[in-house]
Amino acid sequence: MYIIQEMQTNGNQTALVPAATFTDRSEAESAYHMKLGAAAISAVQVHTVVMFDEHGNTIKREYYEHLSEGE
């Protein structure tokens, strides 16, 4: 099983977007990259996407940090 978890952090608040689960790795990777594509252009300060298995092992992890001018 593959789990895709998205986190969105603004200031001191982090929201966990409901996780998506997949049995097929290709489908999971597709969803992972689609979420990263949205994260790349979002206004969220720190936008993270993690792909892990049912044992909690991290398979992929990436984030975008969008800092405003002067930060």
C-alpha atoms as a PDB file:
ATOM      1  CA  MET A   1       0.000   0.000   0.000  1.00  0.00           C
ATOM      2  CA  TYR A   2       1.142   3.531  -0.781  1.00  0.00           C
ATOM      3  CA  ILE A   3      -0.046   6.629   1.071  1.00  0.00           C
ATOM      4  CA  ILE A   4       0.217  10.213  -0.186  1.00  0.00           C
ATOM      5  CA  GLN A   5       0.067  12.871   2.551  1.00  0.00           C
ATOM      6  CA  GLU A   6       0.017  16.600   1.877  1.00  0.00           C
ATOM      7  CA  MET A   7       0.838  19.253   4.483  1.00  0.00           C
ATOM      8  CA  GLN A   8       0.242  22.986   4.136  1.00  0.00           C
ATOM      9  CA  THR A   9       1.928  25.361   6.573  1.00  0.00           C
ATOM     10  CA  ASN A  10       1.245  29.092   6.927  1.00  0.00           C
ATOM     11  CA  GLY A  11       2.796  30.878   9.884  1.00  0.00           C
ATOM     12  CA  ASN A  12       2.535  28.545  12.864  1.00  0.00           C
ATOM     13  CA  GLN A  13      -0.423  26.547  11.530  1.00  0.00           C
ATOM     14  CA  THR A  14      -0.086  23.264   9.627  1.00  0.00           C
ATOM     15  CA  ALA A  15      -3.042  21.616   7.944  1.00  0.00           C
ATOM     16  CA  LEU A  16      -3.004  17.946   6.953  1.00  0.00           C
ATOM     17  CA  VAL A  17      -4.946  17.302   3.777  1.00  0.00           C
ATOM     18  CA  PRO A  18      -6.782  13.944   3.929  1.00  0.00           C
ATOM     19  CA  ALA A  19      -4.427  11.175   2.811  1.00  0.00           C
ATOM     20  CA  ALA A  20      -4.933   9.219  -0.396  1.00  0.00           C
ATOM     21  CA  THR A  21      -4.090   5.500  -0.533  1.00  0.00           C
ATOM     22  CA  PHE A  22      -3.119   3.371  -3.515  1.00  0.00           C
ATOM     23  CA  THR A  23      -2.259  -0.278  -4.119  1.00  0.00           C
ATOM     24  CA  ASP A  24      -0.478   0.477  -7.401  1.00  0.00           C
ATOM     25  CA  ARG A  25       2.866   2.311  -7.128  1.00  0.00           C
ATOM     26  CA  SER A  26       2.542   3.985 -10.544  1.00  0.00           C
ATOM     27  CA  GLU A  27      -0.829   5.466  -9.609  1.00  0.00           C
ATOM     28  CA  ALA A  28       0.578   6.605  -6.255  1.00  0.00           C
ATOM     29  CA  GLU A  29       3.549   8.292  -7.931  1.00  0.00           C
ATOM     30  CA  SER A  30       1.246  10.003 -10.404  1.00  0.00           C
ATOM     31  CA  ALA A  31      -0.853  11.420  -7.550  1.00  0.00           C
ATOM     32  CA  TYR A  32       2.335  12.437  -5.696  1.00  0.00           C
ATOM     33  CA  HIS A  33       3.618  14.410  -8.684  1.00  0.00           C
ATOM     34  CA  MET A  34       0.227  15.994  -9.375  1.00  0.00           C
ATOM     35  CA  LYS A  35       0.124  17.303  -5.794  1.00  0.00           C
ATOM     36  CA  LEU A  36       3.706  18.604  -6.135  1.00  0.00           C
ATOM     37  CA  GLY A  37       2.708  20.405  -9.326  1.00  0.00           C
ATOM     38  CA  ALA A  38       0.002  22.243  -7.418  1.00  0.00           C
ATOM     39  CA  ALA A  39       2.400  22.904  -4.526  1.00  0.00           C
ATOM     40  CA  ALA A  40       4.938  24.487  -6.884  1.00  0.00           C
ATOM     41  CA  ILE A  41       2.573  27.339  -7.741  1.00  0.00           C
ATOM     42  CA  SER A  42       0.575  27.619  -4.516  1.00  0.00           C
ATOM     43  CA  ALA A  43       0.608  30.592  -2.163  1.00  0.00           C
ATOM     44  CA  VAL A  44       1.082  28.315   0.864  1.00  0.00           C
ATOM     45  CA  GLN A  45       4.316  29.199   2.702  1.00  0.00           C
ATOM     46  CA  VAL A  46       5.528  25.608   3.053  1.00  0.00           C
ATOM     47  CA  HIS A  47       3.747  23.025   0.929  1.00  0.00           C
ATOM     48  CA  THR A  48       4.924  19.429   1.501  1.00  0.00           C
ATOM     49  CA  VAL A  49       4.014  16.129  -0.127  1.00  0.00           C
ATOM     50  CA  VAL A  50       5.139  12.763   1.250  1.00  0.00           C
ATOM     51  CA  MET A  51       4.734   9.271  -0.186  1.00  0.00           C
ATOM     52  CA  PHE A  52       5.132   6.428   2.306  1.00  0.00           C
ATOM     53  CA  ASP A  53       4.135   2.821   2.768  1.00  0.00           C
ATOM     54  CA  GLU A  54       1.804   1.227   5.310  1.00  0.00           C
ATOM     55  CA  HIS A  55       4.743   0.716   7.668  1.00  0.00           C
ATOM     56  CA  GLY A  56       5.553   4.429   7.704  1.00  0.00           C
ATOM     57  CA  ASN A  57       8.657   4.123   5.551  1.00  0.00           C
ATOM     58  CA  THR A  58       9.219   7.285   3.521  1.00  0.00           C
ATOM     59  CA  ILE A  59       9.481   6.562  -0.209  1.00  0.00           C
ATOM     60  CA  LYS A  60       9.531  10.145  -1.525  1.00  0.00           C
ATOM     61  CA  ARG A  61       9.370  13.562   0.108  1.00  0.00           C
ATOM     62  CA  GLU A  62       9.544  17.010  -1.364  1.00  0.00           C
ATOM     63  CA  TYR A  63       8.405  20.490  -0.447  1.00  0.00           C
ATOM     64  CA  TYR A  64       8.160  24.006  -1.806  1.00  0.00           C
ATOM     65  CA  GLU A  65       8.853  26.972   0.404  1.00  0.00           C
ATOM     66  CA  HIS A  66       7.298  30.209  -0.796  1.00  0.00           C
ATOM     67  CA  LEU A  67       8.769  33.126   1.115  1.00  0.00           C
ATOM     68  CA  SER A  68       7.486  36.632   0.636  1.00  0.00           C
ATOM     69  CA  GLU A  69       9.852  39.450  -0.219  1.00  0.00           C
ATOM     70  CA  GLY A  70      12.020  40.398   2.776  1.00  0.00           C
ATOM     71  CA  GLU A  71      11.891  36.959   4.460  1.00  0.00           C
END
